[in-house]
Amino acid sequence: MDLSHASITNIAYMLDEIKGKLKMASAAAIKPEHFDENQYEDIKDIYEIINSKANFSISEIEQLVSELGKLRKIV
């Protein structure tokens, strides 16, 4: 997938990958519509961090999920 440009489709893809890699119990709480395209680079940074490692500690998962939570728009 070409992630070089910001789009809702790319955000949805990255969020699905993040949720899968982190095996999140609350994955339903993170939906593409909760994010704006202007946050694309921040989401991509988190996506790249998650793809760079095979395993995560509980505290790392909590930190990454917390960062995603900070990016969510208020709905």
N, C-alpha and C. Protein backbone atom coordinates (compact mmCIF):
# COMPACT_ATOMS: atom_id res chain seq x y z
N MET A 1 0.84 -1.18 0.00
CA MET A 1 0.00 0.00 0.00
C MET A 1 0.89 1.24 0.00
N ASP A 2 0.52 2.23 -0.79
CA ASP A 2 1.27 3.48 -0.88
C ASP A 2 0.79 4.41 0.23
N LEU A 3 1.62 4.59 1.23
CA LEU A 3 1.26 5.46 2.36
C LEU A 3 1.91 6.83 2.25
N SER A 4 2.33 7.19 1.06
CA SER A 4 3.04 8.46 0.89
C SER A 4 2.14 9.68 0.87
N HIS A 5 0.82 9.47 0.78
CA HIS A 5 -0.08 10.63 0.79
C HIS A 5 -1.19 10.42 1.82
N ALA A 6 -1.62 11.52 2.39
CA ALA A 6 -2.65 11.49 3.43
C ALA A 6 -4.02 11.22 2.82
N SER A 7 -4.69 10.23 3.37
CA SER A 7 -6.06 9.96 2.95
C SER A 7 -6.76 9.17 4.05
N ILE A 8 -8.06 9.24 4.07
CA ILE A 8 -8.84 8.49 5.05
C ILE A 8 -8.62 6.98 4.85
N THR A 9 -8.48 6.55 3.61
CA THR A 9 -8.23 5.14 3.31
C THR A 9 -6.91 4.68 3.92
N ASN A 10 -5.87 5.49 3.79
CA ASN A 10 -4.58 5.15 4.37
C ASN A 10 -4.63 5.16 5.89
N ILE A 11 -5.35 6.11 6.45
CA ILE A 11 -5.52 6.15 7.91
C ILE A 11 -6.22 4.88 8.38
N ALA A 12 -7.27 4.48 7.69
CA ALA A 12 -8.00 3.26 8.05
C ALA A 12 -7.08 2.04 7.99
N TYR A 13 -6.28 1.97 6.94
CA TYR A 13 -5.34 0.85 6.79
C TYR A 13 -4.35 0.81 7.96
N MET A 14 -3.73 1.95 8.25
CA MET A 14 -2.74 1.99 9.32
C MET A 14 -3.36 1.66 10.66
N LEU A 15 -4.55 2.17 10.94
CA LEU A 15 -5.20 1.88 12.21
C LEU A 15 -5.52 0.39 12.33
N ASP A 16 -5.96 -0.23 11.25
CA ASP A 16 -6.22 -1.68 11.28
C ASP A 16 -4.94 -2.45 11.58
N GLU A 17 -3.85 -2.03 10.96
CA GLU A 17 -2.57 -2.70 11.19
C GLU A 17 -2.11 -2.49 12.64
N ILE A 18 -2.27 -1.29 13.16
CA ILE A 18 -1.89 -0.98 14.54
C ILE A 18 -2.70 -1.84 15.50
N LYS A 19 -4.00 -1.89 15.30
CA LYS A 19 -4.86 -2.68 16.19
C LYS A 19 -4.50 -4.15 16.14
N GLY A 20 -4.21 -4.66 14.96
CA GLY A 20 -3.85 -6.06 14.82
C GLY A 20 -2.52 -6.39 15.48
N LYS A 21 -1.54 -5.53 15.27
CA LYS A 21 -0.21 -5.77 15.82
C LYS A 21 -0.20 -5.68 17.34
N LEU A 22 -0.99 -4.76 17.88
CA LEU A 22 -1.02 -4.59 19.33
C LEU A 22 -2.02 -5.52 20.00
N LYS A 23 -2.80 -6.25 19.19
CA LYS A 23 -3.80 -7.18 19.72
C LYS A 23 -4.67 -6.49 20.77
N MET A 24 -5.22 -5.37 20.36
CA MET A 24 -5.96 -4.51 21.28
C MET A 24 -7.34 -5.08 21.61
N ALA A 25 -7.63 -5.14 22.90
CA ALA A 25 -8.94 -5.59 23.34
C ALA A 25 -10.00 -4.55 23.03
N SER A 26 -9.63 -3.30 23.03
CA SER A 26 -10.57 -2.22 22.78
C SER A 26 -10.44 -1.68 21.37
N ALA A 27 -10.15 -2.55 20.43
CA ALA A 27 -9.92 -2.12 19.04
C ALA A 27 -11.12 -1.41 18.44
N ALA A 28 -12.32 -1.77 18.86
CA ALA A 28 -13.52 -1.13 18.32
C ALA A 28 -13.59 0.35 18.67
N ALA A 29 -12.86 0.75 19.70
CA ALA A 29 -12.87 2.15 20.12
C ALA A 29 -12.05 3.04 19.20
N ILE A 30 -11.21 2.45 18.38
CA ILE A 30 -10.37 3.22 17.47
C ILE A 30 -10.90 3.03 16.06
N LYS A 31 -11.54 4.07 15.56
CA LYS A 31 -12.14 4.02 14.23
C LYS A 31 -11.55 5.14 13.37
N PRO A 32 -11.42 4.89 12.08
CA PRO A 32 -10.84 5.90 11.19
C PRO A 32 -11.57 7.25 11.24
N GLU A 33 -12.87 7.20 11.42
CA GLU A 33 -13.63 8.46 11.44
C GLU A 33 -13.34 9.31 12.68
N HIS A 34 -12.61 8.77 13.64
CA HIS A 34 -12.23 9.53 14.83
C HIS A 34 -10.97 10.37 14.61
N PHE A 35 -10.42 10.30 13.40
CA PHE A 35 -9.17 11.00 13.10
C PHE A 35 -9.32 11.86 11.86
N ASP A 36 -8.54 12.94 11.82
CA ASP A 36 -8.54 13.84 10.67
C ASP A 36 -7.29 13.60 9.83
N GLU A 37 -7.38 13.95 8.56
CA GLU A 37 -6.22 13.81 7.67
C GLU A 37 -5.04 14.67 8.12
N ASN A 38 -5.30 15.76 8.83
CA ASN A 38 -4.19 16.61 9.27
C ASN A 38 -3.36 15.93 10.37
N GLN A 39 -3.81 14.79 10.88
CA GLN A 39 -3.06 14.02 11.86
C GLN A 39 -2.33 12.85 11.21
N TYR A 40 -2.35 12.82 9.91
CA TYR A 40 -1.81 11.70 9.14
C TYR A 40 -0.36 11.37 9.52
N GLU A 41 0.49 12.36 9.56
CA GLU A 41 1.91 12.11 9.86
C GLU A 41 2.11 11.52 11.25
N ASP A 42 1.33 11.99 12.22
CA ASP A 42 1.43 11.45 13.58
C ASP A 42 0.99 9.98 13.62
N ILE A 43 -0.09 9.67 12.92
CA ILE A 43 -0.57 8.29 12.86
C ILE A 43 0.46 7.42 12.13
N LYS A 44 1.04 7.96 11.07
CA LYS A 44 2.04 7.21 10.32
C LYS A 44 3.27 6.95 11.18
N ASP A 45 3.66 7.91 12.01
CA ASP A 45 4.79 7.70 12.92
C ASP A 45 4.51 6.54 13.87
N ILE A 46 3.33 6.50 14.44
CA ILE A 46 2.95 5.40 15.34
C ILE A 46 2.95 4.09 14.58
N TYR A 47 2.39 4.10 13.38
CA TYR A 47 2.37 2.90 12.53
C TYR A 47 3.78 2.39 12.27
N GLU A 48 4.70 3.28 11.96
CA GLU A 48 6.08 2.88 11.66
C GLU A 48 6.78 2.34 12.90
N ILE A 49 6.52 2.92 14.06
CA ILE A 49 7.09 2.40 15.31
C ILE A 49 6.60 0.98 15.55
N ILE A 50 5.32 0.77 15.37
CA ILE A 50 4.73 -0.54 15.62
C ILE A 50 5.26 -1.57 14.63
N ASN A 51 5.48 -1.19 13.39
CA ASN A 51 6.01 -2.12 12.40
C ASN A 51 7.50 -2.39 12.58
N SER A 52 8.18 -1.59 13.36
CA SER A 52 9.62 -1.76 13.53
C SER A 52 9.97 -2.79 14.60
N LYS A 53 9.00 -3.21 15.39
CA LYS A 53 9.27 -4.16 16.48
C LYS A 53 8.36 -5.37 16.37
N ALA A 54 8.86 -6.49 16.85
CA ALA A 54 8.07 -7.73 16.82
C ALA A 54 7.17 -7.84 18.04
N ASN A 55 7.66 -7.39 19.18
CA ASN A 55 6.91 -7.52 20.44
C ASN A 55 6.94 -6.22 21.21
N PHE A 56 5.92 -6.04 22.04
CA PHE A 56 5.81 -4.83 22.86
C PHE A 56 5.51 -5.21 24.29
N SER A 57 6.05 -4.42 25.21
CA SER A 57 5.70 -4.60 26.62
C SER A 57 4.33 -3.97 26.85
N ILE A 58 3.73 -4.32 27.97
CA ILE A 58 2.43 -3.74 28.31
C ILE A 58 2.53 -2.22 28.39
N SER A 59 3.60 -1.71 28.99
CA SER A 59 3.73 -0.25 29.12
C SER A 59 3.90 0.41 27.75
N GLU A 60 4.61 -0.24 26.83
CA GLU A 60 4.75 0.32 25.48
C GLU A 60 3.39 0.37 24.78
N ILE A 61 2.61 -0.69 24.91
CA ILE A 61 1.28 -0.72 24.30
C ILE A 61 0.42 0.40 24.88
N GLU A 62 0.47 0.56 26.20
CA GLU A 62 -0.32 1.62 26.85
C GLU A 62 0.10 2.99 26.34
N GLN A 63 1.38 3.20 26.17
CA GLN A 63 1.87 4.50 25.68
C GLN A 63 1.43 4.76 24.25
N LEU A 64 1.53 3.75 23.41
CA LEU A 64 1.12 3.91 22.01
C LEU A 64 -0.38 4.16 21.88
N VAL A 65 -1.17 3.43 22.66
CA VAL A 65 -2.62 3.62 22.64
C VAL A 65 -2.97 5.00 23.19
N SER A 66 -2.24 5.43 24.20
CA SER A 66 -2.45 6.77 24.76
C SER A 66 -2.18 7.84 23.71
N GLU A 67 -1.10 7.67 22.94
CA GLU A 67 -0.79 8.64 21.87
C GLU A 67 -1.89 8.66 20.82
N LEU A 68 -2.41 7.49 20.46
CA LEU A 68 -3.53 7.45 19.51
C LEU A 68 -4.74 8.19 20.09
N GLY A 69 -4.98 7.98 21.38
CA GLY A 69 -6.10 8.64 22.04
C GLY A 69 -5.99 10.16 22.00
N LYS A 70 -4.78 10.66 22.12
CA LYS A 70 -4.54 12.10 22.07
C LYS A 70 -4.84 12.67 20.68
N LEU A 71 -4.69 11.84 19.66
CA LEU A 71 -4.93 12.29 18.28
C LEU A 71 -6.40 12.26 17.90
N ARG A 72 -7.20 11.53 18.64
CA ARG A 72 -8.63 11.41 18.29
C ARG A 72 -9.30 12.76 18.37
N LYS A 73 -10.17 13.00 17.41
CA LYS A 73 -10.97 14.22 17.48
C LYS A 73 -12.16 13.95 18.39
N ILE A 74 -12.67 14.98 18.96
CA ILE A 74 -13.80 14.84 19.86
C ILE A 74 -15.06 14.68 19.02
N VAL A 75 -15.75 13.57 19.26
CA VAL A 75 -16.97 13.27 18.49
C VAL A 75 -18.19 13.35 19.37
